[in-house]
Structure formats: structure tokens, C-alpha cells
Amino acid sequence: MRKLKIFSTAALILGGIMLTMPFAGCGQKEYEDNENTVVIDFFKGDYGIDFINNLAEAFMEKNEGKTVYVKDTVLRNQIIDRLKSGPKSNDADIVMTNGAAYGTIGLGAQFGQPAIFEPLTEVYDYIAPGQTKSIRELTQKAFKDVTSFTIDGNTKEYFMIWSSGLQGLIYNKDLLSEDRLPKTTDELIALAGELKEELKGKNKSAFIYSGYVDYWTPLHLVWWAQYAGEEAYNKFYEGEIKQLNPFTGEEEYTQSPAIFTMPGREEALSVMETLLKNSNGYCDKNSTALSFTDAQRNFLKGQAAMHPNGDWLGTSIEKENADVAFMKTPVISAIIDKLDTVKDDATLSKVIAYIDGDEGAELPSGVSEADLQTVTNARNMIYLASTTHFVGIPSYANAKPLAKEFLKFMYSEEGAMIFAKSTNGANLPVNYDYLGNAEVASKFSDFQKSRLAIMNEDAIGIYQRPQHPIVYKGMLAPYSYNSGVLEAAFGATNENDRKTAADIIKIDTQKYDTTGWNNLLKLAGLK
């Protein structure tokens, strides 16, 4: 039987050494499942397990007689399966994982509850000692509406996000200097061509990625949102698109399968297709066959100038002594189609330089305020990888009050600093002065500081929005292609296996013809 981690004040410290004491032998529970014990079903991913163990220890030191028991697994689907199985076979008081659990939100009825998660209004409203703001008020702006769901007509927050995760394009400073970073996607493509020639014969490439994980997809979603605009992009996840109402003569958002041909989708996919197309030679030739661990390891060893990944890469950087950083996501060059006063990519790049505050940069003459605002919004868009890093309390849990107290502590300043120290600079999505704490600041690598610089209060969070039943019941996704990830489809070495941006859009429109669209609405309970 695999040994699980147990933390209890009764067995916490002996001569300065933490001990773990099982309650029972194999085949029996090693803890008491009652209102004084918080059982955490925890996914052990790239952020590691130290932070939850350290939070558990600190919580118990403050709460004598209470126990926190951490059950960890690397199989996140098992956590979701246990959650759905109900109280007869799941004793978790807190579920903490990384994965799309949104489809479980409305399953509470079988357990006599509106939702499968306990509403966390009490936790969000909590003001910790020494603070003047609640956890809700301290939550980073980009994460404000991530956790609100409407069940039976009531909108509540059913879980929290446990990592302020950023996903995007990371560059190797030894191969690419900061002054060459691209402002637009046309510049990114041109840079890839330059690096292809510079690195020829050196067993290095402009990009490296894995053909088994969708780490390029977040970039495509940001490009889509940049072109379409934040509102139109978000409305996709409600099945809505602006269309002309023939009776009023006004454009209105309506539910329609036309969402799949929304302006911006194909333009964004086309950028991704160009960068990954095998015959263009921009990517490591083995990319589609690499696991994500091999791809990121090779990147950190200096085999590529750029690599799509997330802030969890920080746990591997020190091992390889790599000098890497996030770059701001380049603005999709096709956005000029929507601008009245910016007509070419060179001008667009100058506008972005002005927005970035580059030394000596000036706003090109003639650029309107409206166009400046559109490009500013696009430049500030970031992909929130951590919207699937959720922590919630099952509505049928035994120790709900104590579980809420644990979450209040976790999201307090003390808890947030424990998280940051334990993860070498990752942080919870709550606004505390991490770099103002000398001990915590010492844990922030230059890589994590590059993340913080991008995830500022101007950032506009882009993610696959789960809050509408058309997503969490109907299972609407950004694209319908299901023969592996898009990365493998665009980067296929065999030309006959390769897909184009137009192919991906066609798959969507064929799946969601009149019949397919009506079936989607029925699944979502909207028809």
C-alpha cells in the first residue's frame, strides 16, 4: 500500500522533527474522517507538493487538535472520478487539482445539493486579521469572474484558483536578446526565419515544442481574442455572436453556429499553422514526437530560442541553470484589418512600442484614440493557464466549516507567502507585496519576475471560459478537432497528415450543422 502523507498536531513536532503516524494498517483509513480532520485530495503536478504540506503544517500549528491529511496523486482524472462518486466512496473535504472539473458543477442534485461544490461566499468575503480588504477584493483583476457559476438561477462562487499561472512564449536569453523580441506576429514569423538561418548546422532551432500537449493553443486563443476583441471572444463560450437583427436593424448577440466562423479564429489558427508547418523549418524537427518533459528539457539545455510553456517551468529552470524569460505575446498582425488609422505592420509595431513605453518610442501621427485603445487591449491580453487549477469543497464533505477555515488561511497573506516560498516564486492569484517580503523575494527567480511584470493590473485574462452551461453541460470547446492536439496536426512531418487552419474551421462547421448545433443546445439544457 502506498504511504500517504498525514499531518496532525498530535504528531507534529518531536525534537523539531515532523513525524507522520498512520492510524491504521493496510486496507483501513490512516486518519479519522470527522469534522476535525480536513482531507485534501491533491494533484501533484509541476508545482510540486511542498506548498500544500507547508500550508497544512502552518495551519495545524494555529489550530490545535485539528488534522490536515493530504492524499496526493499524479493522476488528476482519479480526483475528478472520486469527486463524482459521492460521499459513499469519497471522503475528501477539499479537492485540489488541475483539470476541467467544470462538467461536474451541476451534478450536485444526486447528492441533494444544487451543485457538487459548496459555495465559497464566506471564504471570498473573509478579511484576515491585519487586512482591510477581503479575499475577493484582493483577487487579481484578471481572475475576478473565473469562479462564478449560475446554478438554478443563482450565481455563486463554487471554487477558487490556486495558482496565478501564466502560459505563453518563453525565450532563451542566450540565443535571443531582449531587443529582438517581436511586437507583432509578422515580426515573430520573420524572427523565426532569421533564427533558422543563424542556427543552421548548430543543432538548434527557433522553436521547440511537444506534439502531445496543447502548449501552443493558448497563444492561438490570445491571438483570436486580440483580433475579435475581449467581449466577442468571451461570448463564444456562451454560444453567441453579434448578428444583425432584421427587425431592429441593430447588431445583437444571439446564439448561433456562426460562432465557429467568428472573425479572428481562422486568422489566429493561420499564425499557429505558419509557425509549426514542418516545411517552413522553424521548429525542432523532432518536436511532434517529443514528450512535453523532453521538449522543455531540450529548450532549457539551449536547443531552441523559443518555447511555449507555463510558469510551472520555473521548477525545472534551476536544475538546468537556464536563463529564460517570458515575452509579451506578440499582437496578431491581422488586427490592422479592424483598424482605421493603422494600415501596415510597421506602424502597428511602433504603436505597440509606444504602449510598452520603449525608450524614445512615440505614437505615430494620425493614430486615433480608438485604434490606440484596441491595440492596447490586445497587447495586455495574457493566457490564464491556471483557471483549471481549482480548489473546492465537495458539497457533501464532512468537515466543510474546517475546510473553509483552511482556505481562508491559505489565501491570507501568511498563506500566500508560504505558497510563494514553497514554489520558488509562483504565487496565488491574490495581490500581496511578494517582492516586498525579503525572504519571499529571494525565492523569486528572474523568470518568475518576468511573469509578474506581465501579469500586472492592466492584464486582460484570456482563457477557455467554463461558466455557461453550453460549456459545462454541452461541452462546447474552442475547436472540435479530436485526433490529437493541434500542434501535431499543424506540425505533421507527413504532408498527408498535416491540417491547415481552414481544415480546423471546416471540422467545426461540419460537426455543428443545424442538427449538431441543436444537439449541443439540448445537452446544455437550452432547448
Protein backbone atom coordinates (compact mmCIF):
# COMPACT_ATOMS: atom_id res chain seq x y z
CA MET A 1 0.00 0.00 0.00
CA ARG A 2 1.29 3.44 -0.94
CA LYS A 3 2.16 5.57 2.09
CA LEU A 4 0.12 8.75 2.25
CA LYS A 5 1.13 11.97 3.91
CA ILE A 6 -0.51 12.74 7.22
CA PHE A 7 -0.18 15.89 9.26
CA SER A 8 -1.59 16.07 12.76
CA THR A 9 -0.95 18.36 15.70
CA ALA A 10 -0.86 15.24 17.83
CA ALA A 11 2.18 14.05 15.91
CA LEU A 12 3.53 17.29 14.51
CA ILE A 13 6.76 18.01 16.33
CA LEU A 14 9.11 15.90 18.37
CA GLY A 15 12.52 17.43 18.95
CA GLY A 16 11.98 19.68 15.93
CA ILE A 17 11.25 16.74 13.64
CA MET A 18 7.92 16.27 11.91
CA LEU A 19 6.54 12.77 12.29
CA THR A 20 3.75 11.05 10.40
CA MET A 21 1.74 8.46 12.24
CA PRO A 22 -0.70 6.17 10.44
CA PHE A 23 -3.94 5.46 12.26
CA ALA A 24 -4.43 2.02 10.80
CA GLY A 25 -2.86 -0.68 8.73
CA CYS A 26 -3.26 -1.52 5.09
CA GLY A 27 -6.86 -1.71 3.98
CA GLN A 28 -8.02 0.79 6.58
CA LYS A 29 -8.05 4.57 6.67
CA GLU A 30 -4.98 6.21 8.17
CA TYR A 31 -6.98 9.11 9.55
CA GLU A 32 -10.24 9.87 11.29
CA ASP A 33 -12.85 11.17 8.88
CA ASN A 34 -14.71 13.70 11.01
CA GLU A 35 -15.34 17.42 11.45
CA ASN A 36 -11.87 17.92 12.98
CA THR A 37 -10.00 16.42 10.02
CA VAL A 38 -9.58 18.08 6.63
CA VAL A 39 -8.82 15.51 3.93
CA ILE A 40 -7.29 17.07 0.81
CA ASP A 41 -7.39 15.15 -2.45
CA PHE A 42 -4.40 16.76 -4.16
CA PHE A 43 -2.97 16.62 -7.67
CA LYS A 44 0.82 16.56 -7.56
CA GLY A 45 1.95 18.30 -10.74
CA ASP A 46 4.83 20.53 -11.75
CA TYR A 47 4.22 22.94 -8.87
CA GLY A 48 5.16 20.09 -6.54
CA ILE A 49 3.70 19.17 -3.16
CA ASP A 50 5.84 21.18 -0.73
CA PHE A 51 3.48 24.13 -0.70
CA ILE A 52 0.41 22.17 0.40
CA ASN A 53 2.41 20.28 3.02
CA ASN A 54 3.85 23.52 4.38
CA LEU A 55 0.41 25.16 4.41
CA ALA A 56 -1.01 22.16 6.27
CA GLU A 57 1.74 22.30 8.89
CA ALA A 58 1.29 26.03 9.46
CA PHE A 59 -2.49 25.70 9.68
CA MET A 60 -2.31 22.99 12.32
CA GLU A 61 0.16 24.96 14.39
CA LYS A 62 -2.55 27.62 14.61
CA ASN A 63 -5.40 25.17 15.20
CA GLU A 64 -4.62 22.73 17.97
CA GLY A 65 -6.46 19.43 17.78
CA LYS A 66 -7.16 19.74 14.06
CA THR A 67 -5.71 17.46 11.42
CA VAL A 68 -4.94 18.02 7.76
CA TYR A 69 -4.40 14.87 5.71
CA VAL A 70 -3.01 15.22 2.17
CA LYS A 71 -3.70 12.43 -0.30
CA ASP A 72 -1.60 13.11 -3.38
CA THR A 73 -1.74 11.59 -6.83
CA VAL A 74 -0.29 12.35 -10.26
CA LEU A 75 -3.48 11.00 -11.86
CA ARG A 76 -5.76 14.02 -11.85
CA ASN A 77 -8.66 12.20 -13.52
CA GLN A 78 -8.88 9.96 -10.47
CA ILE A 79 -9.60 13.02 -8.33
CA ILE A 80 -12.49 14.04 -10.60
CA ASP A 81 -13.81 10.48 -10.65
CA ARG A 82 -13.75 10.32 -6.86
CA LEU A 83 -15.48 13.70 -6.65
CA LYS A 84 -18.31 12.49 -8.88
CA SER A 85 -18.64 9.21 -6.98
CA GLY A 86 -20.13 10.97 -3.96
CA PRO A 87 -19.80 10.56 -0.17
CA LYS A 88 -20.00 6.77 -0.09
CA SER A 89 -16.61 6.42 -1.74
CA ASN A 90 -15.09 9.90 -1.48
CA ASP A 91 -14.11 11.37 1.88
CA ALA A 92 -12.30 14.47 0.56
CA ASP A 93 -13.14 17.75 2.28
CA ILE A 94 -11.07 19.71 -0.22
CA VAL A 95 -10.45 18.82 -3.85
CA MET A 96 -7.35 20.43 -5.31
CA THR A 97 -6.41 19.56 -8.85
CA ASN A 98 -5.63 20.72 -12.36
CA GLY A 99 -8.17 19.71 -14.94
CA ALA A 100 -11.53 20.54 -16.38
CA ALA A 101 -13.89 19.83 -13.48
CA TYR A 102 -16.44 22.29 -14.78
CA GLY A 103 -18.55 19.47 -16.17
CA THR A 104 -19.13 18.32 -12.60
CA ILE A 105 -20.53 21.64 -11.36
CA GLY A 106 -24.19 20.81 -11.94
CA LEU A 107 -24.04 17.25 -10.60
CA GLY A 108 -24.99 18.09 -7.03
CA ALA A 109 -28.65 17.07 -7.36
CA GLN A 110 -27.83 13.39 -6.94
CA PHE A 111 -26.36 14.26 -3.53
CA GLY A 112 -29.22 16.53 -2.52
CA GLN A 113 -27.33 19.75 -3.31
CA PRO A 114 -27.71 22.40 -6.05
CA ALA A 115 -24.06 21.97 -7.07
CA ILE A 116 -21.36 19.41 -6.44
CA PHE A 117 -19.26 22.11 -4.76
CA GLU A 118 -20.04 24.11 -1.64
CA PRO A 119 -20.48 27.87 -2.31
CA LEU A 120 -17.43 29.78 -1.04
CA THR A 121 -19.01 33.19 -0.46
CA GLU A 122 -17.89 33.08 3.19
CA VAL A 123 -14.28 32.50 2.14
CA TYR A 124 -14.27 35.21 -0.52
CA ASP A 125 -15.81 37.70 1.94
CA TYR A 126 -13.22 36.92 4.62
CA ILE A 127 -10.98 39.75 5.82
CA ALA A 128 -7.90 38.37 7.56
CA PRO A 129 -6.51 39.98 10.72
CA GLY A 130 -4.32 42.93 9.76
CA GLN A 131 -6.01 43.30 6.36
CA THR A 132 -8.56 45.88 5.25
CA LYS A 133 -9.68 44.03 2.13
CA SER A 134 -11.49 40.74 1.66
CA ILE A 135 -10.04 37.86 -0.34
CA ARG A 136 -12.45 38.79 -3.12
CA GLU A 137 -11.11 42.35 -3.19
CA LEU A 138 -7.52 41.11 -3.14
CA THR A 139 -8.05 38.71 -6.03
CA GLN A 140 -6.12 39.77 -9.14
CA LYS A 141 -8.36 41.55 -11.65
CA ALA A 142 -7.81 39.01 -14.40
CA PHE A 143 -9.25 36.27 -12.17
CA LYS A 144 -12.30 38.17 -10.88
CA ASP A 145 -15.02 36.29 -12.73
CA VAL A 146 -13.37 32.91 -13.27
CA THR A 147 -15.12 31.03 -10.48
CA SER A 148 -18.72 32.30 -10.69
CA PHE A 149 -21.34 29.88 -11.96
CA THR A 150 -25.11 30.15 -12.28
CA ILE A 151 -26.91 27.08 -10.96
CA ASP A 152 -30.73 27.04 -10.83
CA GLY A 153 -30.76 30.79 -11.40
CA ASN A 154 -28.32 31.56 -8.55
CA THR A 155 -24.85 32.88 -9.34
CA LYS A 156 -22.24 31.91 -6.75
CA GLU A 157 -18.52 31.21 -6.45
CA TYR A 158 -18.04 27.48 -6.08
CA PHE A 159 -14.27 27.16 -6.06
CA MET A 160 -11.00 29.12 -6.02
CA ILE A 161 -7.94 29.20 -8.24
CA TRP A 162 -4.76 28.03 -6.55
CA SER A 163 -2.12 29.30 -8.93
CA SER A 164 -1.60 32.58 -10.73
CA GLY A 165 -0.38 30.61 -13.70
CA LEU A 166 0.72 32.31 -16.92
CA GLN A 167 1.14 30.43 -20.17
CA GLY A 168 2.81 31.90 -23.20
CA LEU A 169 6.01 32.12 -25.19
CA ILE A 170 9.30 31.81 -23.31
CA TYR A 171 12.65 32.76 -24.81
CA ASN A 172 16.22 31.71 -24.16
CA LYS A 173 18.34 34.78 -23.42
CA ASP A 174 21.48 33.05 -24.62
CA LEU A 175 20.01 32.72 -28.13
CA LEU A 176 17.71 35.72 -28.34
CA SER A 177 18.39 39.18 -26.96
CA GLU A 178 15.62 41.30 -25.49
CA ASP A 179 15.97 43.98 -28.15
CA ARG A 180 14.94 41.45 -30.82
CA LEU A 181 11.68 40.41 -29.18
CA PRO A 182 8.80 40.67 -31.67
CA LYS A 183 5.91 43.10 -31.20
CA THR A 184 3.65 41.54 -33.85
CA THR A 185 3.05 38.06 -35.25
CA ASP A 186 4.54 39.09 -38.61
CA GLU A 187 7.70 40.06 -36.72
CA LEU A 188 7.57 36.72 -34.88
CA ILE A 189 7.42 34.83 -38.18
CA ALA A 190 10.25 36.96 -39.60
CA LEU A 191 12.33 36.36 -36.47
CA ALA A 192 11.79 32.61 -36.82
CA GLY A 193 13.17 32.83 -40.34
CA GLU A 194 16.22 34.79 -39.18
CA LEU A 195 16.92 32.32 -36.37
CA LYS A 196 16.52 29.41 -38.75
CA GLU A 197 19.45 30.76 -40.79
CA GLU A 198 21.54 31.82 -37.77
CA LEU A 199 21.20 28.45 -36.05
CA LYS A 200 21.66 26.29 -39.14
CA GLY A 201 24.17 23.49 -38.55
CA LYS A 202 24.20 24.06 -34.77
CA ASN A 203 21.51 21.50 -33.87
CA LYS A 204 19.36 24.37 -32.61
CA SER A 205 16.10 25.85 -33.83
CA ALA A 206 13.84 28.86 -33.45
CA PHE A 207 11.15 26.82 -31.64
CA ILE A 208 10.76 23.53 -29.87
CA TYR A 209 7.51 22.04 -28.60
CA SER A 210 5.75 18.76 -27.89
CA GLY A 211 3.27 17.17 -30.26
CA TYR A 212 1.45 15.61 -27.32
CA VAL A 213 0.35 18.69 -25.34
CA ASP A 214 -1.53 21.79 -26.43
CA TYR A 215 1.00 24.38 -25.25
CA TRP A 216 0.74 26.42 -28.48
CA THR A 217 -3.05 26.58 -28.25
CA PRO A 218 -3.09 29.27 -25.51
CA LEU A 219 -1.16 31.58 -27.86
CA HIS A 220 -3.68 30.95 -30.62
CA LEU A 221 -6.54 31.76 -28.20
CA VAL A 222 -4.91 35.05 -27.23
CA TRP A 223 -4.40 35.95 -30.92
CA TRP A 224 -8.05 35.11 -31.55
CA ALA A 225 -9.14 37.35 -28.66
CA GLN A 226 -6.82 40.15 -29.80
CA TYR A 227 -8.47 40.17 -33.20
CA ALA A 228 -12.08 39.57 -32.15
CA GLY A 229 -11.93 41.70 -29.02
CA GLU A 230 -12.38 40.51 -25.44
CA GLU A 231 -16.18 40.70 -25.42
CA ALA A 232 -16.69 38.84 -28.70
CA TYR A 233 -14.17 36.15 -27.69
CA ASN A 234 -15.87 35.65 -24.32
CA LYS A 235 -19.30 35.45 -25.97
CA PHE A 236 -18.10 32.43 -27.96
CA TYR A 237 -18.28 30.47 -24.70
CA GLU A 238 -21.95 31.41 -24.42
CA GLY A 239 -22.55 30.28 -28.00
CA GLU A 240 -23.24 33.86 -29.05
CA ILE A 241 -22.05 36.11 -31.85
CA LYS A 242 -23.13 39.56 -32.97
CA GLN A 243 -25.60 39.40 -35.85
CA LEU A 244 -27.91 41.87 -37.49
CA ASN A 245 -31.45 41.80 -36.13
CA PRO A 246 -33.64 42.34 -39.22
CA PHE A 247 -36.46 43.73 -37.11
CA THR A 248 -34.47 46.39 -35.26
CA GLY A 249 -31.66 46.98 -37.74
CA GLU A 250 -29.22 46.67 -34.81
CA GLU A 251 -26.46 44.15 -34.24
CA GLU A 252 -27.21 41.93 -31.26
CA TYR A 253 -25.58 38.92 -29.62
CA THR A 254 -27.52 35.78 -30.50
CA GLN A 255 -26.82 32.07 -30.10
CA SER A 256 -25.76 30.71 -33.46
CA PRO A 257 -23.39 28.15 -35.02
CA ALA A 258 -21.90 31.16 -36.81
CA ILE A 259 -19.60 31.40 -33.77
CA PHE A 260 -17.31 28.90 -35.50
CA THR A 261 -16.62 31.32 -38.35
CA MET A 262 -16.18 34.27 -35.99
CA PRO A 263 -13.58 36.74 -37.31
CA GLY A 264 -10.27 36.05 -35.59
CA ARG A 265 -10.48 32.28 -35.26
CA GLU A 266 -9.02 31.37 -38.64
CA GLU A 267 -6.59 34.33 -38.59
CA ALA A 268 -5.18 33.12 -35.26
CA LEU A 269 -5.01 29.49 -36.36
CA SER A 270 -3.19 30.59 -39.52
CA VAL A 271 -0.38 32.16 -37.47
CA MET A 272 -0.02 28.94 -35.49
CA GLU A 273 -0.08 26.91 -38.71
CA THR A 274 2.68 29.04 -40.29
CA LEU A 275 4.96 28.76 -37.28
CA LEU A 276 4.55 24.99 -36.90
CA LYS A 277 4.39 23.93 -40.55
CA ASN A 278 7.15 21.37 -40.90
CA SER A 279 8.31 22.52 -44.34
CA ASN A 280 8.95 26.04 -43.01
CA GLY A 281 11.73 24.65 -40.82
CA TYR A 282 11.19 26.96 -37.86
CA CYS A 283 10.79 24.18 -35.29
CA ASP A 284 12.98 21.41 -33.99
CA LYS A 285 12.45 18.58 -36.46
CA ASN A 286 11.62 16.12 -33.68
CA SER A 287 9.04 18.35 -31.96
CA THR A 288 5.92 16.36 -32.82
CA ALA A 289 7.50 13.21 -31.38
CA LEU A 290 8.76 14.79 -28.16
CA SER A 291 7.04 14.43 -24.80
CA PHE A 292 6.45 17.73 -23.04
CA THR A 293 9.17 16.92 -20.50
CA ASP A 294 11.69 16.20 -23.28
CA ALA A 295 10.71 19.36 -25.17
CA GLN A 296 11.09 21.63 -22.16
CA ARG A 297 14.31 19.92 -21.06
CA ASN A 298 15.84 20.38 -24.51
CA PHE A 299 14.74 24.01 -24.53
CA LEU A 300 16.35 24.63 -21.15
CA LYS A 301 19.53 22.97 -22.43
CA GLY A 302 19.70 25.61 -25.17
CA GLN A 303 18.42 23.67 -28.18
CA ALA A 304 15.86 26.31 -29.16
CA ALA A 305 15.39 30.05 -28.86
CA MET A 306 11.66 29.96 -28.01
CA HIS A 307 9.26 27.53 -26.41
CA PRO A 308 5.55 27.64 -25.45
CA ASN A 309 5.10 26.73 -21.79
CA GLY A 310 3.86 27.99 -18.42
CA ASP A 311 5.23 29.40 -15.20
CA TRP A 312 5.49 25.89 -13.75
CA LEU A 313 8.62 25.62 -15.89
CA GLY A 314 10.26 27.58 -13.08
CA THR A 315 10.62 24.41 -11.02
CA SER A 316 12.91 22.97 -13.72
CA ILE A 317 14.95 26.04 -14.61
CA GLU A 318 17.36 25.89 -11.69
CA LYS A 319 18.23 22.26 -12.45
CA GLU A 320 19.44 23.24 -15.91
CA ASN A 321 20.84 26.65 -14.88
CA ALA A 322 18.94 28.17 -17.80
CA ASP A 323 18.49 31.90 -18.41
CA VAL A 324 14.97 32.19 -19.79
CA ALA A 325 12.06 34.63 -19.50
CA PHE A 326 8.51 35.22 -20.67
CA MET A 327 7.96 37.59 -23.55
CA LYS A 328 4.75 39.53 -24.03
CA THR A 329 2.54 37.76 -26.54
CA PRO A 330 3.01 39.46 -29.93
CA VAL A 331 -0.09 41.19 -31.27
CA ILE A 332 -1.72 39.44 -34.22
CA SER A 333 -0.75 41.42 -37.31
CA ALA A 334 -4.13 40.83 -38.94
CA ILE A 335 -5.64 43.19 -36.36
CA ILE A 336 -4.94 46.04 -38.81
CA ASP A 337 -7.99 44.76 -40.75
CA LYS A 338 -10.06 46.22 -37.90
CA LEU A 339 -8.17 49.50 -37.52
CA ASP A 340 -8.92 52.71 -39.38
CA THR A 341 -5.66 54.58 -38.81
CA VAL A 342 -3.04 51.80 -38.65
CA LYS A 343 -2.54 50.36 -42.11
CA ASP A 344 0.65 48.30 -42.00
CA ASP A 345 2.65 46.10 -39.67
CA ALA A 346 5.49 48.58 -39.30
CA THR A 347 3.10 51.20 -37.93
CA LEU A 348 1.42 48.62 -35.70
CA SER A 349 4.82 47.74 -34.24
CA LYS A 350 5.52 51.40 -33.49
CA VAL A 351 2.15 51.75 -31.75
CA ILE A 352 3.00 48.73 -29.58
CA ALA A 353 6.43 50.17 -28.77
CA TYR A 354 4.65 53.33 -27.58
CA ILE A 355 2.23 51.26 -25.47
CA ASP A 356 5.15 49.32 -23.96
CA GLY A 357 6.89 52.55 -23.03
CA ASP A 358 10.01 51.73 -25.01
CA GLU A 359 12.72 54.35 -24.75
CA GLY A 360 12.24 57.05 -27.38
CA ALA A 361 9.02 55.49 -28.71
CA GLU A 362 6.36 57.90 -29.91
CA LEU A 363 2.83 57.35 -31.09
CA PRO A 364 2.82 57.54 -34.90
CA SER A 365 0.97 60.59 -36.16
CA GLY A 366 -2.61 60.11 -37.20
CA VAL A 367 -3.34 57.11 -34.96
CA SER A 368 -6.79 57.54 -33.44
CA GLU A 369 -7.65 57.12 -29.77
CA ALA A 370 -9.99 54.28 -30.69
CA ASP A 371 -7.28 52.37 -32.55
CA LEU A 372 -4.77 53.03 -29.77
CA GLN A 373 -7.22 51.56 -27.24
CA THR A 374 -7.86 48.50 -29.42
CA VAL A 375 -4.14 47.77 -29.74
CA THR A 376 -3.56 48.49 -26.04
CA ASN A 377 -6.21 45.94 -25.08
CA ALA A 378 -4.67 43.40 -27.44
CA ARG A 379 -1.18 43.97 -26.03
CA ASN A 380 -2.42 43.49 -22.47
CA MET A 381 -4.05 40.12 -23.14
CA ILE A 382 -2.49 37.15 -21.37
CA TYR A 383 -3.47 33.49 -21.17
CA LEU A 384 -4.53 32.33 -17.72
CA ALA A 385 -3.36 28.74 -17.63
CA SER A 386 -4.42 28.36 -14.03
CA THR A 387 -8.17 28.66 -14.50
CA THR A 388 -8.26 24.86 -14.36
CA HIS A 389 -6.12 24.83 -11.18
CA PHE A 390 -9.11 24.79 -8.91
CA VAL A 391 -9.67 24.09 -5.24
CA GLY A 392 -13.15 23.44 -3.95
CA ILE A 393 -15.11 21.82 -1.14
CA PRO A 394 -17.46 18.97 -2.11
CA SER A 395 -21.00 19.87 -1.07
CA TYR A 396 -21.26 16.52 0.71
CA ALA A 397 -17.98 16.87 2.69
CA ASN A 398 -17.91 16.03 6.44
CA ALA A 399 -15.67 18.92 7.53
CA LYS A 400 -16.97 21.86 5.49
CA PRO A 401 -16.53 24.50 8.23
CA LEU A 402 -12.93 23.47 8.92
CA ALA A 403 -12.20 23.20 5.18
CA LYS A 404 -13.36 26.80 4.76
CA GLU A 405 -11.06 27.88 7.59
CA PHE A 406 -8.17 26.18 5.81
CA LEU A 407 -8.93 28.06 2.58
CA LYS A 408 -9.18 31.36 4.48
CA PHE A 409 -5.71 30.70 5.87
CA MET A 410 -4.33 29.59 2.52
CA TYR A 411 -5.42 32.83 0.81
CA SER A 412 -4.35 35.09 3.69
CA GLU A 413 -1.07 36.97 3.32
CA GLU A 414 0.70 34.43 5.53
CA GLY A 415 -0.62 31.53 3.48
CA ALA A 416 0.17 33.23 0.17
CA MET A 417 3.77 33.83 1.28
CA ILE A 418 4.12 30.17 2.27
CA PHE A 419 2.90 29.20 -1.20
CA ALA A 420 5.35 31.57 -2.92
CA LYS A 421 8.34 30.43 -0.86
CA SER A 422 7.49 26.76 -1.38
CA THR A 423 7.20 27.08 -5.16
CA ASN A 424 10.26 29.28 -5.72
CA GLY A 425 8.24 32.25 -6.85
CA ALA A 426 4.89 31.04 -8.14
CA ASN A 427 2.00 32.71 -6.37
CA LEU A 428 -1.69 32.55 -5.60
CA PRO A 429 -3.86 34.97 -7.63
CA VAL A 430 -4.20 37.43 -4.75
CA ASN A 431 -2.49 40.81 -4.59
CA TYR A 432 0.09 40.90 -1.85
CA ASP A 433 3.51 42.56 -1.93
CA TYR A 434 5.51 39.42 -2.63
CA LEU A 435 8.69 41.24 -3.60
CA GLY A 436 8.38 43.49 -0.56
CA ASN A 437 8.97 40.47 1.67
CA ALA A 438 12.73 39.91 1.61
CA GLU A 439 12.52 36.20 2.41
CA VAL A 440 9.90 35.61 -0.25
CA ALA A 441 11.57 37.90 -2.82
CA SER A 442 14.76 35.86 -2.53
CA LYS A 443 12.80 32.88 -3.86
CA PHE A 444 11.62 34.71 -6.99
CA SER A 445 13.84 33.88 -9.94
CA ASP A 446 14.31 36.30 -12.82
CA PHE A 447 11.98 34.00 -14.74
CA GLN A 448 9.20 34.44 -12.19
CA LYS A 449 9.84 38.18 -12.09
CA SER A 450 9.30 38.29 -15.86
CA ARG A 451 5.93 36.64 -15.23
CA LEU A 452 4.98 39.17 -12.57
CA ALA A 453 5.83 42.04 -14.92
CA ILE A 454 3.37 40.71 -17.49
CA MET A 455 0.64 39.73 -15.00
CA ASN A 456 0.09 43.30 -13.82
CA GLU A 457 -3.19 45.03 -13.04
CA ASP A 458 -3.57 46.08 -16.69
CA ALA A 459 -3.55 42.45 -17.81
CA ILE A 460 -6.69 41.12 -19.51
CA GLY A 461 -7.14 37.45 -18.74
CA ILE A 462 -7.98 35.17 -21.65
CA TYR A 463 -8.98 31.59 -21.02
CA GLN A 464 -11.41 28.87 -22.04
CA ARG A 465 -14.42 30.14 -20.15
CA PRO A 466 -16.44 27.40 -18.39
CA GLN A 467 -19.20 29.38 -16.66
CA HIS A 468 -22.03 28.88 -19.18
CA PRO A 469 -23.99 25.59 -19.40
CA ILE A 470 -23.23 25.41 -23.12
CA VAL A 471 -19.67 24.66 -21.96
CA TYR A 472 -20.03 22.75 -18.69
CA LYS A 473 -23.04 20.74 -19.90
CA GLY A 474 -22.90 20.95 -23.68
CA MET A 475 -19.09 20.60 -23.71
CA LEU A 476 -18.54 23.38 -26.25
CA ALA A 477 -14.78 23.69 -26.87
CA PRO A 478 -12.65 26.22 -28.78
CA TYR A 479 -12.31 23.70 -31.60
CA SER A 480 -13.71 20.26 -32.41
CA TYR A 481 -10.61 18.59 -33.83
CA ASN A 482 -10.09 15.49 -31.69
CA SER A 483 -7.42 13.45 -33.46
CA GLY A 484 -4.67 14.59 -31.10
CA VAL A 485 -3.61 18.15 -30.39
CA LEU A 486 -3.49 20.91 -33.00
CA GLU A 487 0.26 21.13 -32.54
CA ALA A 488 0.66 17.65 -34.06
CA ALA A 489 -1.83 18.41 -36.82
CA PHE A 490 -0.08 21.60 -37.94
CA GLY A 491 3.44 20.24 -37.47
CA ALA A 492 2.99 16.79 -39.01
CA THR A 493 6.07 15.63 -40.88
CA ASN A 494 3.95 13.67 -43.35
CA GLU A 495 2.27 16.23 -45.58
CA ASN A 496 -0.79 13.99 -45.96
CA ASP A 497 -1.34 14.09 -42.20
CA ARG A 498 -1.00 17.85 -41.93
CA LYS A 499 -4.02 20.07 -41.28
CA THR A 500 -4.49 23.72 -42.17
CA ALA A 501 -6.34 26.47 -40.32
CA ALA A 502 -9.14 26.17 -42.87
CA ASP A 503 -9.35 22.42 -42.18
CA ILE A 504 -9.90 23.03 -38.47
CA ILE A 505 -12.66 25.56 -39.12
CA LYS A 506 -14.31 23.14 -41.56
CA ILE A 507 -14.34 20.37 -38.93
CA ASP A 508 -16.19 22.73 -36.58
CA THR A 509 -18.78 23.82 -39.13
CA GLN A 510 -19.43 20.25 -40.24
CA LYS A 511 -19.89 18.99 -36.68
CA TYR A 512 -22.17 21.87 -35.74
CA ASP A 513 -24.52 21.92 -38.68
CA THR A 514 -28.19 22.53 -37.83
CA THR A 515 -28.56 19.09 -36.23
CA GLY A 516 -25.27 19.25 -34.34
CA TRP A 517 -25.99 22.74 -33.04
CA ASN A 518 -29.46 21.74 -31.82
CA ASN A 519 -27.97 18.72 -30.06
CA LEU A 520 -25.46 20.99 -28.34
CA LEU A 521 -28.24 23.26 -27.10
CA LYS A 522 -30.23 20.26 -25.85
CA LEU A 523 -27.24 18.93 -23.90
CA ALA A 524 -26.82 22.37 -22.34
CA GLY A 525 -30.49 22.46 -21.34
CA LEU A 526 -31.09 25.44 -23.62
CA LYS A 527 -33.56 23.81 -26.00
